[in-house]
Amino acid sequence: MVGAREAGRLPRTRPRAAAIVLGLLVLAGWESVAGQSEPYFETLEIVVPAVPGGGWDLTAQAVRDTLEEEGLVRSIRISHSPGAGGLIGLAQFIEGRRGDGATLLIGGLFTVGAEMPNRASVSLLDATPIARLTETGAVIAVPSSSSVMDFDDLAIWFESRPDTLIWAGGSLGGPDQMLLRSLASALGVDPVQIHYQPYPGGSEVGASLVSGSANVGISDYSELEQLIDAGHLRALVLSAETRLRNLPVPTLKETGIDISLGNWRAVFAPPDISVEQEQRLIAMFDEMAESPYWKASLRRYHWTNAYLPGDQFELFVRSQYNMARLLPELAVQPARVERDYLLRVIWKRYAWLVILLALLMVFAAVAFWQRYRSRRQVVDLSVALKQAEGAAETQAERLHEALQGRMQHIQEDFDKWGLSPAEKEIALLLLKGLRLQEIADIRATSERTVRQQAQSIYRKSGLDSRTDLAAYFIEDFINPINDKEAGES
């Protein structure tokens, strides 16, 4: 009877149990889906220790777009803190963001190379290495108007008259200067004769070439790509191991010089973050590195996927610092050059000149020497003029940017005081020194109305008169960095 009763219960209890199990499975599945759709961070900040428009900035933008597009972070803000190959931004990042697990820094080989020439007291190892992202070779380019048509032309010029070349590249000690030193060693050029102008980013390198303040430049291909595609620059050679896809630009190895140098970029977290925060960031970038959007970004910017996370990446960074400390010794060791490379190039380009010089050497020796000296002087004067013009243009741009920044600060103060549009206009006219009647004529109103609006401006700003208003902003010009800006730096 007991067995029969139990058997009788089964048909009634089985549907109930099945419903419970099914409900638990649905709930577990819902929680799993919800967990997958939940972002790692609501907000995140990426610090770029360089000016906008360079390779680090492009990397930060690609990371931001990927993380937001893939739903890994809901909102990302990019800030910039340029200077000294990234060392200024790195120092501010280490001291000001300790323990902040929602802030990242973009860094790379430029920062490693900048440590020694700048006598830095901080390094990337003081931060928390999260992941290496990309690696890319540099491109050597010249203005499209240059008489240098290919790398063979550049090699002959660099070997014969190195002091007449003005090279533009990234920060001192970075991969661009490393490449130039290796190239000089391979061609037997005295480093003392090299004129190298460091710039904070690839956009400035490109601008210096277009403006004529430099006649040959080194930078990541992605940073000069637009100028090359637009026909403003001519790409001569790449420092990568292999050619970039669909680009007819040879590598240095293809020209007979056994040099390859890749520039890597990576993300770092501040020091003193927790193990949980570090693992969360690594997991986020693990997922990002496999995402379709990130892979599309690698193709778009011609970057090589060099993803390396966590402890492995930290060991790699240590090896890079060890390599950089040996750089002065390595710079004097010649790279292996293809046998009779120089003879091949000279014969290819100047066979007729070699024959002519052999026939006329004695007869034309004096005339040739005088002509050489005169041309040398003309080239030197031309280089000096271009340098002066480039420096003047740079100063003019900086002055314009400073004035634009100061006007923005004035408008910010007006907004902070709660001035109306009419009051803002009158306040600017007061700062320019116009009398009340003149302002009334400009605005087609009465002097009394202008006087009332001026009093409203003084009341809202907490100032007493036109003199106090002018003194308030003159003080900003005398002390251009206010307390707020000092705190942010």
Protein backbone atom coordinates (compact mmCIF):
# COMPACT_ATOMS: atom_id res chain seq x y z
CA MET A 1 0.00 0.00 0.00
CA VAL A 2 2.82 2.37 0.85
CA GLY A 3 4.43 1.75 -2.51
CA ALA A 4 1.13 2.34 -4.22
CA ARG A 5 0.54 5.60 -2.35
CA GLU A 6 4.03 6.83 -3.19
CA ALA A 7 3.52 5.81 -6.75
CA GLY A 8 0.28 7.73 -6.72
CA ARG A 9 1.99 10.90 -5.50
CA LEU A 10 4.56 10.96 -8.27
CA PRO A 11 2.26 12.23 -11.00
CA ARG A 12 1.19 15.12 -8.75
CA THR A 13 4.65 16.15 -7.40
CA ARG A 14 6.66 15.81 -10.61
CA PRO A 15 5.08 18.83 -12.41
CA ARG A 16 5.64 20.96 -9.31
CA ALA A 17 9.31 19.93 -9.06
CA ALA A 18 9.82 20.45 -12.76
CA ALA A 19 8.33 23.94 -12.52
CA ILE A 20 10.70 24.80 -9.66
CA VAL A 21 13.72 23.48 -11.54
CA LEU A 22 12.66 25.32 -14.68
CA GLY A 23 12.22 28.56 -12.72
CA LEU A 24 15.68 28.23 -11.18
CA LEU A 25 17.21 27.63 -14.60
CA VAL A 26 15.44 30.66 -16.06
CA LEU A 27 16.55 32.80 -13.12
CA ALA A 28 20.14 31.59 -13.43
CA GLY A 29 20.10 32.26 -17.15
CA TRP A 30 18.67 35.74 -16.62
CA GLU A 31 21.35 36.56 -14.04
CA SER A 32 24.03 35.26 -16.43
CA VAL A 33 22.76 37.45 -19.28
CA ALA A 34 22.47 40.42 -16.96
CA GLY A 35 26.04 39.83 -15.77
CA GLN A 36 27.30 39.72 -19.34
CA SER A 37 25.58 42.97 -20.27
CA GLU A 38 26.73 44.84 -17.17
CA PRO A 39 29.73 47.13 -17.98
CA TYR A 40 32.98 46.81 -16.05
CA PHE A 41 32.85 50.54 -15.24
CA GLU A 42 30.20 53.22 -15.39
CA THR A 43 32.84 55.90 -16.03
CA LEU A 44 36.53 55.72 -16.82
CA GLU A 45 39.24 58.30 -17.50
CA ILE A 46 42.18 57.80 -19.87
CA VAL A 47 45.15 60.13 -19.40
CA VAL A 48 47.23 60.83 -22.51
CA PRO A 49 50.64 62.28 -21.51
CA ALA A 50 51.01 64.03 -24.88
CA VAL A 51 49.30 66.59 -27.09
CA PRO A 52 46.12 65.67 -28.99
CA GLY A 53 46.53 64.17 -32.44
CA GLY A 54 49.56 61.95 -31.77
CA GLY A 55 49.89 58.18 -31.61
CA TRP A 56 49.02 57.94 -27.91
CA ASP A 57 45.95 60.08 -28.48
CA LEU A 58 44.85 57.86 -31.40
CA THR A 59 45.34 54.81 -29.18
CA ALA A 60 43.27 56.36 -26.40
CA GLN A 61 40.49 57.19 -28.85
CA ALA A 62 40.50 53.66 -30.27
CA VAL A 63 40.37 52.17 -26.75
CA ARG A 64 37.55 54.51 -25.75
CA ASP A 65 35.50 53.79 -28.87
CA THR A 66 35.96 50.03 -28.49
CA LEU A 67 35.12 49.86 -24.79
CA GLU A 68 32.01 52.02 -25.26
CA GLU A 69 30.90 50.28 -28.45
CA GLU A 70 31.29 46.81 -26.91
CA GLY A 71 29.45 47.90 -23.75
CA LEU A 72 32.44 47.25 -21.49
CA VAL A 73 32.40 50.83 -20.14
CA ARG A 74 29.45 53.17 -20.25
CA SER A 75 31.33 56.48 -20.54
CA ILE A 76 35.03 57.38 -21.00
CA ARG A 77 36.75 60.77 -20.75
CA ILE A 78 40.17 61.47 -22.31
CA SER A 79 42.46 64.09 -20.76
CA HIS A 80 45.90 65.31 -21.89
CA SER A 81 49.02 66.18 -19.90
CA PRO A 82 51.93 66.58 -22.38
CA GLY A 83 55.65 67.12 -21.89
CA ALA A 84 59.08 65.43 -21.71
CA GLY A 85 58.13 62.32 -23.66
CA GLY A 86 55.22 61.58 -21.34
CA LEU A 87 57.20 61.93 -18.11
CA ILE A 88 55.30 64.99 -16.88
CA GLY A 89 51.94 63.30 -17.30
CA LEU A 90 53.34 60.09 -15.80
CA ALA A 91 54.58 61.90 -12.67
CA GLN A 92 51.21 63.63 -12.22
CA PHE A 93 49.44 60.32 -12.78
CA ILE A 94 51.52 58.47 -10.18
CA GLU A 95 51.23 61.12 -7.49
CA GLY A 96 47.68 62.30 -8.12
CA ARG A 97 45.80 59.08 -8.96
CA ARG A 98 47.10 56.59 -6.41
CA GLY A 99 44.57 53.87 -5.68
CA ASP A 100 42.16 55.08 -8.38
CA GLY A 101 41.09 51.93 -10.18
CA ALA A 102 38.98 53.83 -12.73
CA THR A 103 41.84 55.79 -14.34
CA LEU A 104 44.30 54.63 -16.99
CA LEU A 105 47.44 56.06 -18.61
CA ILE A 106 48.58 55.49 -22.18
CA GLY A 107 52.34 54.90 -22.38
CA GLY A 108 54.98 53.17 -24.44
CA LEU A 109 58.54 53.06 -25.70
CA PHE A 110 58.73 56.87 -25.93
CA THR A 111 58.34 57.10 -22.15
CA VAL A 112 60.99 54.43 -21.60
CA GLY A 113 63.45 56.17 -23.90
CA ALA A 114 62.81 59.60 -22.38
CA GLU A 115 63.89 58.54 -18.89
CA MET A 116 67.67 58.93 -19.32
CA PRO A 117 67.93 62.22 -21.30
CA ASN A 118 65.43 63.83 -18.91
CA ARG A 119 66.99 62.34 -15.75
CA ALA A 120 63.53 61.19 -14.68
CA SER A 121 62.74 60.23 -11.10
CA VAL A 122 59.70 58.16 -12.14
CA SER A 123 59.18 55.31 -14.58
CA LEU A 124 56.32 53.24 -15.96
CA LEU A 125 57.22 50.58 -13.41
CA ASP A 126 56.06 52.97 -10.67
CA ALA A 127 52.58 52.60 -12.15
CA THR A 128 50.67 49.31 -12.47
CA PRO A 129 51.24 47.68 -15.89
CA ILE A 130 47.92 46.40 -17.23
CA ALA A 131 48.41 45.39 -20.87
CA ARG A 132 50.49 46.03 -23.98
CA LEU A 133 48.11 46.70 -26.87
CA THR A 134 49.86 47.45 -30.17
CA GLU A 135 53.19 47.62 -31.93
CA THR A 136 53.99 49.57 -35.07
CA GLY A 137 57.01 50.53 -37.12
CA ALA A 138 58.02 54.08 -37.96
CA VAL A 139 57.99 55.68 -41.40
CA ILE A 140 60.70 58.00 -42.73
CA ALA A 141 59.07 60.68 -44.88
CA VAL A 142 59.98 63.88 -46.72
CA PRO A 143 57.88 66.76 -48.11
CA SER A 144 56.41 66.00 -51.51
CA SER A 145 58.37 68.96 -52.92
CA SER A 146 61.70 67.43 -51.84
CA SER A 147 64.25 66.32 -54.44
CA VAL A 148 64.63 63.09 -52.43
CA MET A 149 62.58 60.54 -54.35
CA ASP A 150 63.47 57.33 -52.48
CA PHE A 151 65.58 56.02 -49.62
CA ASP A 152 68.67 55.65 -51.82
CA ASP A 153 68.64 59.41 -52.44
CA LEU A 154 68.25 60.08 -48.72
CA ALA A 155 71.10 57.69 -47.83
CA ILE A 156 73.52 59.47 -50.17
CA TRP A 157 72.55 62.89 -48.83
CA PHE A 158 72.74 61.72 -45.22
CA GLU A 159 76.18 60.19 -45.76
CA SER A 160 77.70 63.05 -47.74
CA ARG A 161 76.14 66.12 -46.10
CA PRO A 162 74.54 65.04 -42.80
CA ASP A 163 74.75 68.51 -41.26
CA THR A 164 72.41 69.95 -43.93
CA LEU A 165 69.54 67.63 -43.01
CA ILE A 166 67.02 68.73 -40.38
CA TRP A 167 65.32 65.66 -38.87
CA ALA A 168 61.97 65.92 -37.09
CA GLY A 169 60.80 63.20 -34.73
CA GLY A 170 59.31 62.39 -31.36
CA SER A 171 60.65 63.17 -27.89
CA LEU A 172 64.33 62.84 -27.04
CA GLY A 173 65.36 59.26 -26.34
CA GLY A 174 62.25 57.81 -27.99
CA PRO A 175 62.07 55.20 -30.76
CA ASP A 176 62.30 57.86 -33.50
CA GLN A 177 65.66 59.05 -32.24
CA MET A 178 66.72 55.45 -31.59
CA LEU A 179 66.00 54.67 -35.25
CA LEU A 180 67.93 57.72 -36.44
CA ARG A 181 70.96 56.76 -34.31
CA SER A 182 70.92 53.22 -35.67
CA LEU A 183 70.64 54.51 -39.24
CA ALA A 184 73.55 56.92 -38.71
CA SER A 185 75.65 54.11 -37.30
CA ALA A 186 74.83 51.89 -40.29
CA LEU A 187 75.86 54.58 -42.78
CA GLY A 188 78.93 55.72 -40.84
CA VAL A 189 77.57 59.18 -40.04
CA ASP A 190 79.04 61.07 -37.09
CA PRO A 191 76.19 61.63 -34.56
CA VAL A 192 77.61 65.09 -33.78
CA GLN A 193 76.58 66.23 -37.29
CA ILE A 194 72.94 65.20 -36.86
CA HIS A 195 70.33 67.97 -36.41
CA TYR A 196 67.35 66.41 -34.60
CA GLN A 197 64.27 68.44 -33.63
CA PRO A 198 62.07 66.66 -31.03
CA TYR A 199 58.31 67.22 -31.07
CA PRO A 200 55.60 66.07 -28.61
CA GLY A 201 53.55 64.24 -31.26
CA GLY A 202 53.34 63.01 -34.84
CA SER A 203 51.04 65.84 -35.88
CA GLU A 204 53.78 68.37 -35.02
CA VAL A 205 56.33 66.27 -36.96
CA GLY A 206 54.07 66.36 -40.02
CA ALA A 207 53.46 70.10 -39.64
CA SER A 208 57.21 70.79 -39.47
CA LEU A 209 57.73 68.89 -42.73
CA VAL A 210 54.88 70.66 -44.52
CA SER A 211 56.03 74.08 -43.30
CA GLY A 212 59.63 73.42 -44.33
CA SER A 213 61.19 73.77 -40.88
CA ALA A 214 62.44 70.18 -41.29
CA ASN A 215 63.28 68.29 -44.49
CA VAL A 216 62.98 64.69 -43.26
CA GLY A 217 60.84 63.22 -40.49
CA ILE A 218 60.32 60.02 -38.51
CA SER A 219 57.00 59.04 -36.94
CA ASP A 220 54.43 56.24 -36.78
CA TYR A 221 52.77 55.71 -40.14
CA SER A 222 49.30 56.22 -38.63
CA GLU A 223 50.29 59.71 -37.45
CA LEU A 224 51.47 60.84 -40.92
CA GLU A 225 48.99 58.78 -42.96
CA GLN A 226 46.61 61.64 -43.76
CA LEU A 227 49.41 63.91 -44.98
CA ILE A 228 50.87 61.06 -47.06
CA ASP A 229 47.48 60.17 -48.57
CA ALA A 230 46.82 63.86 -49.32
CA GLY A 231 50.10 64.12 -51.22
CA HIS A 232 51.79 66.55 -48.82
CA LEU A 233 54.42 64.02 -47.73
CA ARG A 234 56.29 61.18 -49.49
CA ALA A 235 56.90 57.96 -47.52
CA LEU A 236 60.37 56.55 -48.21
CA VAL A 237 60.85 53.53 -45.96
CA LEU A 238 59.47 51.69 -42.91
CA SER A 239 61.33 50.43 -39.84
CA ALA A 240 58.96 47.46 -39.41
CA GLU A 241 59.87 43.82 -40.03
CA THR A 242 57.44 43.57 -42.94
CA ARG A 243 55.53 45.95 -45.19
CA LEU A 244 52.18 47.29 -44.12
CA ARG A 245 49.27 45.71 -45.92
CA ASN A 246 48.33 47.29 -49.26
CA LEU A 247 51.08 49.95 -48.96
CA PRO A 248 53.92 50.14 -51.51
CA VAL A 249 56.48 51.39 -48.96
CA PRO A 250 59.60 49.18 -48.54
CA THR A 251 61.23 48.27 -45.25
CA LEU A 252 64.79 49.17 -44.29
CA LYS A 253 65.72 45.52 -44.61
CA GLU A 254 64.51 45.53 -48.21
CA THR A 255 66.90 48.41 -48.98
CA GLY A 256 69.82 46.41 -47.59
CA ILE A 257 70.04 47.82 -44.04
CA ASP A 258 69.39 45.28 -41.30
CA ILE A 259 67.43 47.53 -38.94
CA SER A 260 63.93 47.04 -37.56
CA LEU A 261 62.45 48.91 -34.63
CA GLY A 262 58.87 48.69 -33.40
CA ASN A 263 57.14 51.19 -31.14
CA TRP A 264 54.69 49.66 -28.67
CA ARG A 265 51.80 51.29 -26.80
CA ALA A 266 50.11 50.10 -23.65
CA VAL A 267 47.79 50.98 -20.74
CA PHE A 268 48.82 51.44 -17.12
CA ALA A 269 46.82 51.89 -13.92
CA PRO A 270 47.90 54.07 -10.97
CA PRO A 271 49.97 52.58 -8.16
CA ASP A 272 48.39 51.17 -4.99
CA ILE A 273 45.23 49.82 -6.61
CA SER A 274 43.83 46.62 -5.14
CA VAL A 275 44.37 43.18 -6.62
CA GLU A 276 40.65 43.03 -7.43
CA GLN A 277 40.82 46.34 -9.31
CA GLU A 278 43.88 45.20 -11.27
CA GLN A 279 42.28 41.88 -12.23
CA ARG A 280 39.09 43.65 -13.26
CA LEU A 281 41.02 45.94 -15.61
CA ILE A 282 42.96 43.03 -17.10
CA ALA A 283 39.74 41.07 -17.64
CA MET A 284 38.20 44.08 -19.37
CA PHE A 285 41.16 44.42 -21.77
CA ASP A 286 41.23 40.65 -22.35
CA GLU A 287 37.67 40.98 -23.62
CA MET A 288 38.44 44.15 -25.58
CA ALA A 289 41.43 42.56 -27.36
CA GLU A 290 39.17 39.84 -28.77
CA SER A 291 36.37 42.16 -29.83
CA PRO A 292 35.57 42.77 -33.53
CA TYR A 293 35.62 46.54 -33.05
CA TRP A 294 39.20 46.50 -31.70
CA LYS A 295 40.40 44.25 -34.51
CA ALA A 296 38.86 46.66 -37.01
CA SER A 297 40.74 49.54 -35.31
CA LEU A 298 44.03 47.65 -35.68
CA ARG A 299 43.42 47.33 -39.42
CA ARG A 300 42.29 50.96 -39.75
CA TYR A 301 45.45 52.41 -38.17
CA HIS A 302 47.88 49.78 -39.54
CA TRP A 303 48.73 48.62 -36.01
CA THR A 304 50.10 45.18 -35.17
CA ASN A 305 48.23 43.30 -32.44
CA ALA A 306 50.79 42.94 -29.62
CA TYR A 307 48.43 42.17 -26.73
CA LEU A 308 50.28 41.10 -23.57
CA PRO A 309 48.51 41.40 -20.17
CA GLY A 310 49.40 41.44 -16.49
CA ASP A 311 52.60 39.89 -15.13
CA GLN A 312 53.93 39.03 -18.60
CA PHE A 313 53.60 42.65 -19.63
CA GLU A 314 55.38 43.85 -16.48
CA LEU A 315 58.36 41.58 -17.30
CA PHE A 316 58.37 43.03 -20.82
CA VAL A 317 58.46 46.62 -19.50
CA ARG A 318 61.41 45.74 -17.26
CA SER A 319 63.26 44.32 -20.25
CA GLN A 320 62.60 47.54 -22.19
CA TYR A 321 64.13 49.67 -19.44
CA ASN A 322 67.18 47.39 -19.37
CA MET A 323 67.51 47.84 -23.15
CA ALA A 324 67.15 51.63 -22.91
CA ARG A 325 69.93 51.85 -20.31
CA LEU A 326 72.29 50.15 -22.77
CA LEU A 327 71.29 52.51 -25.59
CA PRO A 328 74.41 54.76 -25.44
CA GLU A 329 76.60 51.66 -25.89
CA LEU A 330 74.43 50.18 -28.62
CA ALA A 331 74.33 53.46 -30.55
CA VAL A 332 78.04 53.27 -31.40
CA GLN A 333 77.87 49.67 -32.57
CA PRO A 334 77.27 49.62 -36.36
CA ALA A 335 74.26 47.77 -37.65
CA ARG A 336 74.98 45.10 -40.24
CA VAL A 337 74.86 46.66 -43.70
CA GLU A 338 74.46 44.64 -46.85
CA ARG A 339 77.84 44.08 -48.52
CA ASP A 340 78.83 46.79 -51.03
CA TYR A 341 75.48 48.55 -50.43
CA LEU A 342 76.95 52.03 -50.81
CA LEU A 343 78.81 51.13 -54.00
CA ARG A 344 75.61 49.75 -55.49
CA VAL A 345 73.63 52.87 -54.66
CA ILE A 346 76.30 55.26 -55.92
CA TRP A 347 76.74 53.35 -59.17
CA LYS A 348 72.99 53.14 -59.69
CA ARG A 349 72.42 56.88 -59.31
CA TYR A 350 75.68 58.53 -60.30
CA ALA A 351 77.52 56.25 -62.70
CA TRP A 352 77.77 59.04 -65.28
CA LEU A 353 79.10 61.42 -62.64
CA VAL A 354 81.76 58.96 -61.51
CA ILE A 355 83.02 58.60 -65.11
CA LEU A 356 82.95 62.34 -65.69
CA LEU A 357 84.81 63.10 -62.48
CA ALA A 358 87.45 60.49 -63.36
CA LEU A 359 88.13 62.29 -66.68
CA LEU A 360 88.02 65.86 -65.36
CA MET A 361 89.28 65.50 -61.79
CA VAL A 362 92.63 67.27 -62.21
CA PHE A 363 91.39 69.89 -64.66
CA ALA A 364 88.31 70.92 -62.63
CA ALA A 365 89.49 70.36 -59.03
CA VAL A 366 89.74 74.03 -58.05
CA ALA A 367 86.47 75.03 -59.73
CA PHE A 368 84.65 72.11 -58.18
CA TRP A 369 85.87 72.99 -54.69
CA GLN A 370 84.81 76.62 -55.03
CA ARG A 371 81.38 75.63 -56.30
CA TYR A 372 80.98 73.12 -53.49
CA ARG A 373 81.77 75.75 -50.88
CA SER A 374 79.35 78.27 -52.36
CA ARG A 375 76.54 75.73 -52.56
CA ARG A 376 77.27 74.67 -49.00
CA GLN A 377 76.90 78.24 -47.81
CA VAL A 378 73.62 78.66 -49.71
CA VAL A 379 72.25 75.45 -48.17
CA ASP A 380 73.32 76.53 -44.68
CA LEU A 381 71.65 79.91 -45.09
CA SER A 382 68.50 78.24 -46.44
CA VAL A 383 68.36 75.85 -43.49
CA ALA A 384 68.86 78.70 -41.02
CA LEU A 385 66.09 80.72 -42.69
CA LYS A 386 63.66 77.80 -42.61
CA GLN A 387 64.46 77.20 -38.95
CA ALA A 388 63.79 80.84 -38.14
CA GLU A 389 60.54 80.82 -40.12
CA GLY A 390 59.42 77.63 -38.41
CA ALA A 391 60.24 79.02 -34.97
CA ALA A 392 58.33 82.24 -35.71
CA GLU A 393 55.31 80.29 -36.93
CA THR A 394 55.40 78.11 -33.82
CA GLN A 395 55.52 81.16 -31.54
CA ALA A 396 52.63 82.78 -33.41
CA GLU A 397 50.53 79.64 -33.03
CA ARG A 398 51.32 79.46 -29.32
CA LEU A 399 50.36 83.13 -28.85
CA HIS A 400 47.07 82.56 -30.70
CA GLU A 401 46.30 79.50 -28.58
CA ALA A 402 47.12 81.43 -25.40
CA LEU A 403 44.78 84.30 -26.37
CA GLN A 404 42.02 81.85 -27.26
CA GLY A 405 42.49 80.11 -23.93
CA ARG A 406 42.33 83.40 -22.02
CA MET A 407 39.12 84.43 -23.80
CA GLN A 408 37.64 81.06 -22.88
CA HIS A 409 38.57 81.65 -19.22
CA ILE A 410 36.89 85.09 -19.34
CA GLN A 411 33.70 83.52 -20.72
CA GLU A 412 33.86 80.85 -18.02
CA ASP A 413 34.06 83.56 -15.36
CA PHE A 414 31.07 85.34 -16.94
CA ASP A 415 29.11 82.07 -16.82
CA LYS A 416 30.14 81.53 -13.21
CA TRP A 417 28.84 85.00 -12.29
CA GLY A 418 25.53 84.23 -14.02
CA LEU A 419 25.72 87.15 -16.49
CA SER A 420 23.06 87.40 -19.17
CA PRO A 421 24.12 87.56 -22.85
CA ALA A 422 23.63 91.33 -22.86
CA GLU A 423 25.67 91.71 -19.67
CA LYS A 424 28.46 89.54 -21.13
CA GLU A 425 28.64 91.82 -24.18
CA ILE A 426 28.70 94.95 -22.03
CA ALA A 427 31.35 93.46 -19.72
CA LEU A 428 33.64 92.79 -22.71
CA LEU A 429 33.13 96.36 -23.96
CA LEU A 430 33.94 97.68 -20.49
CA LEU A 431 37.16 95.60 -20.49
CA LYS A 432 38.06 97.14 -23.85
CA GLY A 433 37.85 100.63 -22.24
CA LEU A 434 34.74 102.00 -23.94
CA ARG A 435 32.75 104.68 -22.15
CA LEU A 436 29.14 104.13 -21.19
CA GLN A 437 27.84 106.45 -23.91
CA GLU A 438 29.93 104.67 -26.54
CA ILE A 439 28.55 101.33 -25.38
CA ALA A 440 25.02 102.75 -25.53
CA ASP A 441 25.61 103.91 -29.12
CA ILE A 442 26.91 100.49 -30.15
CA ARG A 443 23.95 98.69 -28.56
CA ALA A 444 21.39 101.30 -29.69
CA THR A 445 20.18 101.93 -26.16
CA SER A 446 20.41 104.66 -23.55
CA GLU A 447 23.37 105.46 -21.36
CA ARG A 448 21.15 104.97 -18.32
CA THR A 449 20.29 101.42 -19.35
CA VAL A 450 23.96 100.61 -19.89
CA ARG A 451 24.82 102.10 -16.47
CA GLN A 452 22.19 99.90 -14.81
CA GLN A 453 23.47 96.81 -16.58
CA ALA A 454 27.04 97.68 -15.60
CA GLN A 455 25.94 97.96 -11.95
CA SER A 456 24.29 94.55 -12.29
CA ILE A 457 27.58 93.13 -13.60
CA TYR A 458 29.51 94.55 -10.65
CA ARG A 459 26.94 93.21 -8.21
CA LYS A 460 26.95 89.67 -9.67
CA SER A 461 30.75 89.52 -9.88
CA GLY A 462 31.29 90.92 -6.38
CA LEU A 463 33.37 93.77 -7.80
CA ASP A 464 32.91 97.49 -7.17
CA SER A 465 33.78 99.22 -10.44
CA ARG A 466 35.16 99.04 -13.94
CA THR A 467 38.67 99.35 -12.45
CA ASP A 468 38.13 96.26 -10.26
CA LEU A 469 36.73 94.37 -13.25
CA ALA A 470 39.80 95.16 -15.35
CA ALA A 471 42.16 94.39 -12.47
CA TYR A 472 40.48 91.00 -11.97
CA PHE A 473 41.40 89.83 -15.46
CA ILE A 474 44.77 91.62 -15.62
CA GLU A 475 45.75 89.57 -12.58
CA ASP A 476 45.03 86.41 -14.63
CA PHE A 477 47.51 87.59 -17.29
CA ILE A 478 50.16 88.30 -14.64
CA ASN A 479 49.48 84.95 -12.90
CA PRO A 480 48.16 82.75 -15.74
CA ILE A 481 47.89 79.59 -13.65
CA ASN A 482 45.13 79.92 -11.09
CA ASP A 483 44.59 77.70 -8.09
CA LYS A 484 42.16 75.47 -9.97
CA GLU A 485 44.59 74.92 -12.83
CA ALA A 486 47.45 74.29 -10.42
CA GLY A 487 45.39 71.60 -8.70
CA GLU A 488 44.51 69.95 -12.00
CA SER A 489 48.15 69.84 -13.11
